[in-house]
Amino acid sequence: MDVVFSPELTICGIEELPGQSARNVTHVLSLLDPELPELEAFQSYGKHLRTTLRFHDIIADLPERVRPRPDHVESILAFGQDFLNRQEREAPSHLLVHCHMGISRSTAAMLTLMAQGNPDEEAENLFTRLAVIRPQAWPNSQMIGFADEQLGRKGDLTAALRRHYGRQIRKQPQYTEWMTKLGRQAELDMAILD
């Protein structure tokens, strides 16, 4: 199967942003906590288009926290459509998606963009490619669920996410303790451990 959505793709956390400034990044999707101030790292970047969305990396309602909502994923898809539209007119591009740690929100967003750009690609292959881009990926399950629905994937992204979680737990057993502490037991329960 041909991969249609094939610009250079990078996922990182905030602390890694300064190290990306020399990589000719053309498009940035920033997923930040609402209370976080504007980031200074992008002042050292060349010309690029940037979209910022603000919500917390949670999967259940918590007081004074903004959970990912369907409209956040709609905004990610709007960013992706704009990106795809520009691909036809512009030189090679480099898409950078980041969140606080580069593990959950950003990987869910990148997977969503990859699925949008490659609607016929099998979900399992999308997650395989995601793990190559960001080996520590633990995509936010709420965001993947919304993407699954909005892209009309009929549950295949969520099914592949469950297998991805299982692989991540086997490779990085510390994720079990980490996700438990973060209140993400539901994602651990989703994991398919073969």
Protein backbone atom coordinates (compact mmCIF):
# COMPACT_ATOMS: atom_id res chain seq x y z
CA MET A 1 0.00 0.00 0.00
CA ASP A 2 1.32 3.43 -0.90
CA VAL A 3 1.70 5.91 1.90
CA VAL A 4 0.16 9.17 0.72
CA PHE A 5 0.88 11.28 3.79
CA SER A 6 4.66 11.22 3.69
CA PRO A 7 6.22 14.50 4.76
CA GLU A 8 8.96 14.41 7.37
CA LEU A 9 7.17 13.74 10.67
CA THR A 10 8.48 14.57 14.16
CA ILE A 11 6.94 14.16 17.60
CA CYS A 12 8.54 15.63 20.68
CA GLY A 13 8.04 17.14 24.11
CA ILE A 14 8.54 20.75 25.17
CA GLU A 15 12.10 20.17 26.41
CA GLU A 16 13.07 18.82 22.99
CA LEU A 17 11.73 21.79 21.01
CA PRO A 18 14.97 23.84 20.97
CA GLY A 19 16.79 20.92 19.35
CA GLN A 20 14.28 20.84 16.47
CA SER A 21 14.75 24.47 15.39
CA ALA A 22 17.39 23.72 12.74
CA ARG A 23 15.35 20.99 11.04
CA ASN A 24 13.38 23.18 8.60
CA VAL A 25 10.06 22.59 10.31
CA THR A 26 7.26 24.01 8.15
CA HIS A 27 4.17 23.14 10.22
CA VAL A 28 3.72 22.82 13.99
CA LEU A 29 0.80 21.48 15.99
CA SER A 30 1.19 22.39 19.67
CA LEU A 31 -0.98 20.59 22.23
CA LEU A 32 -0.58 22.34 25.56
CA ASP A 33 -2.09 22.47 29.02
CA PRO A 34 -4.44 25.48 29.19
CA GLU A 35 -2.50 27.14 32.02
CA LEU A 36 0.90 26.88 30.34
CA PRO A 37 2.33 30.21 29.10
CA GLU A 38 3.24 30.71 25.46
CA LEU A 39 6.45 28.87 24.55
CA GLU A 40 9.56 30.84 23.65
CA ALA A 41 11.23 27.97 21.78
CA PHE A 42 9.51 28.85 18.50
CA GLN A 43 11.22 32.24 18.33
CA SER A 44 14.33 30.44 17.08
CA TYR A 45 12.45 28.53 14.36
CA GLY A 46 12.35 29.60 10.75
CA LYS A 47 9.12 30.52 8.99
CA HIS A 48 6.42 27.97 9.83
CA LEU A 49 2.67 27.67 10.30
CA ARG A 50 1.63 26.84 13.85
CA THR A 51 -1.66 25.87 15.46
CA THR A 52 -2.02 25.62 19.23
CA LEU A 53 -4.74 23.66 21.02
CA ARG A 54 -5.08 23.71 24.80
CA PHE A 55 -6.38 20.79 26.85
CA HIS A 56 -5.00 18.41 29.47
CA ASP A 57 -3.74 14.90 28.91
CA ILE A 58 -6.49 13.10 30.79
CA ILE A 59 -9.10 10.50 29.88
CA ALA A 60 -11.76 11.20 32.54
CA ASP A 61 -13.39 14.34 33.88
CA LEU A 62 -11.38 15.97 36.64
CA PRO A 63 -12.10 19.23 38.48
CA GLU A 64 -10.59 22.29 36.82
CA ARG A 65 -9.09 20.20 34.02
CA VAL A 66 -9.97 20.29 30.33
CA ARG A 67 -10.46 16.81 28.94
CA PRO A 68 -9.92 16.15 25.22
CA ARG A 69 -13.21 16.71 23.39
CA PRO A 70 -14.47 15.90 19.91
CA ASP A 71 -13.98 19.53 18.85
CA HIS A 72 -10.28 19.28 19.70
CA VAL A 73 -9.95 16.37 17.28
CA GLU A 74 -12.02 18.31 14.73
CA SER A 75 -9.43 21.09 15.04
CA ILE A 76 -6.60 18.58 14.57
CA LEU A 77 -8.31 17.31 11.42
CA ALA A 78 -8.82 20.89 10.17
CA PHE A 79 -5.10 21.49 10.71
CA GLY A 80 -4.41 18.25 8.81
CA GLN A 81 -6.67 19.21 5.92
CA ASP A 82 -4.97 22.58 5.63
CA PHE A 83 -1.61 20.82 5.74
CA LEU A 84 -2.68 18.36 3.01
CA ASN A 85 -4.04 21.18 0.85
CA ARG A 86 -0.72 23.02 1.08
CA GLN A 87 1.21 19.86 0.15
CA GLU A 88 0.06 20.19 -3.43
CA ARG A 89 1.51 23.70 -3.75
CA GLU A 90 4.62 23.71 -1.59
CA ALA A 91 8.09 22.25 -1.50
CA PRO A 92 8.91 19.35 0.85
CA SER A 93 7.51 19.86 4.31
CA HIS A 94 8.28 18.89 7.87
CA LEU A 95 5.44 18.47 10.36
CA LEU A 96 6.22 18.71 14.07
CA VAL A 97 3.60 17.73 16.63
CA HIS A 98 4.38 18.24 20.29
CA CYS A 99 2.77 18.15 23.69
CA HIS A 100 4.33 18.37 27.15
CA MET A 101 6.21 15.05 27.09
CA GLY A 102 5.73 13.91 23.49
CA ILE A 103 4.08 10.67 24.60
CA SER A 104 0.29 10.89 24.66
CA ARG A 105 -1.54 13.89 23.17
CA SER A 106 1.03 14.45 20.43
CA THR A 107 1.18 10.80 19.43
CA ALA A 108 -2.63 10.61 19.31
CA ALA A 109 -2.69 13.74 17.15
CA MET A 110 0.02 12.42 14.81
CA LEU A 111 -1.77 9.09 14.45
CA THR A 112 -4.95 11.01 13.64
CA LEU A 113 -3.15 13.04 10.97
CA MET A 114 -1.53 9.93 9.49
CA ALA A 115 -4.93 8.18 9.34
CA GLN A 116 -6.47 11.26 7.73
CA GLY A 117 -3.75 11.48 5.10
CA ASN A 118 -3.81 7.73 4.41
CA PRO A 119 -7.48 6.71 4.67
CA ASP A 120 -6.90 3.27 3.13
CA GLU A 121 -3.89 2.33 5.26
CA GLU A 122 -4.52 -0.39 7.82
CA ALA A 123 -4.65 0.88 11.39
CA GLU A 124 -2.04 -1.65 12.51
CA ASN A 125 0.42 -0.26 9.96
CA LEU A 126 -0.29 3.31 11.11
CA PHE A 127 0.61 2.35 14.70
CA THR A 128 3.74 0.56 13.49
CA ARG A 129 4.85 3.73 11.71
CA LEU A 130 3.94 5.82 14.77
CA ALA A 131 6.18 3.64 16.96
CA VAL A 132 9.07 4.22 14.54
CA ILE A 133 8.57 8.00 14.75
CA ARG A 134 8.14 7.98 18.56
CA PRO A 135 9.02 4.66 20.22
CA GLN A 136 7.58 5.73 23.61
CA ALA A 137 4.17 6.56 22.11
CA TRP A 138 1.16 6.01 24.39
CA PRO A 139 -1.64 7.77 22.46
CA ASN A 140 -4.49 9.29 24.47
CA SER A 141 -7.38 6.84 24.09
CA GLN A 142 -10.06 9.54 24.18
CA MET A 143 -8.47 11.33 21.24
CA ILE A 144 -8.07 8.11 19.26
CA GLY A 145 -11.72 7.24 19.91
CA PHE A 146 -12.87 10.62 18.58
CA ALA A 147 -10.57 10.28 15.55
CA ASP A 148 -11.91 6.78 14.88
CA GLU A 149 -15.44 8.16 14.77
CA GLN A 150 -14.72 11.36 12.85
CA LEU A 151 -12.64 9.58 10.20
CA GLY A 152 -15.26 6.85 9.80
CA ARG A 153 -12.75 4.12 10.66
CA LYS A 154 -15.43 1.98 12.39
CA GLY A 155 -13.35 1.14 15.43
CA ASP A 156 -10.19 -0.06 13.70
CA LEU A 157 -8.01 2.69 15.21
CA THR A 158 -9.22 1.81 18.71
CA ALA A 159 -8.69 -1.91 18.10
CA ALA A 160 -5.14 -1.26 16.88
CA LEU A 161 -4.56 1.07 19.86
CA ARG A 162 -5.40 -1.80 22.23
CA ARG A 163 -2.74 -3.98 20.57
CA HIS A 164 -0.29 -1.05 20.61
CA TYR A 165 -0.82 -0.60 24.37
CA GLY A 166 -0.11 -4.31 24.86
CA ARG A 167 3.15 -4.05 22.91
CA GLN A 168 4.18 -0.95 24.86
CA ILE A 169 3.52 -2.64 28.22
CA ARG A 170 5.68 -5.60 27.16
CA LYS A 171 8.51 -3.35 25.92
CA GLN A 172 8.30 -0.78 28.72
CA PRO A 173 6.76 -2.38 31.81
CA GLN A 174 7.19 0.88 33.75
CA TYR A 175 4.20 2.21 31.78
CA THR A 176 1.92 0.12 33.99
CA GLU A 177 2.97 1.96 37.14
CA TRP A 178 3.16 5.29 35.36
CA MET A 179 -0.33 5.10 33.82
CA THR A 180 -1.79 3.87 37.10
CA LYS A 181 -0.36 6.92 38.91
CA LEU A 182 -1.75 9.19 36.18
CA GLY A 183 -5.27 7.80 36.59
CA ARG A 184 -5.17 6.01 33.24
CA GLN A 185 -6.09 2.52 34.47
CA ALA A 186 -8.80 2.35 31.79
CA GLU A 187 -6.10 2.40 29.12
CA LEU A 188 -4.17 -0.35 30.86
CA ASP A 189 -7.39 -2.36 30.96
CA MET A 190 -7.80 -1.80 27.20
CA ALA A 191 -4.42 -3.35 26.41
CA ILE A 192 -4.35 -6.66 24.58
CA LEU A 193 -1.47 -8.66 26.02
CA ASP A 194 -0.79 -11.60 23.71
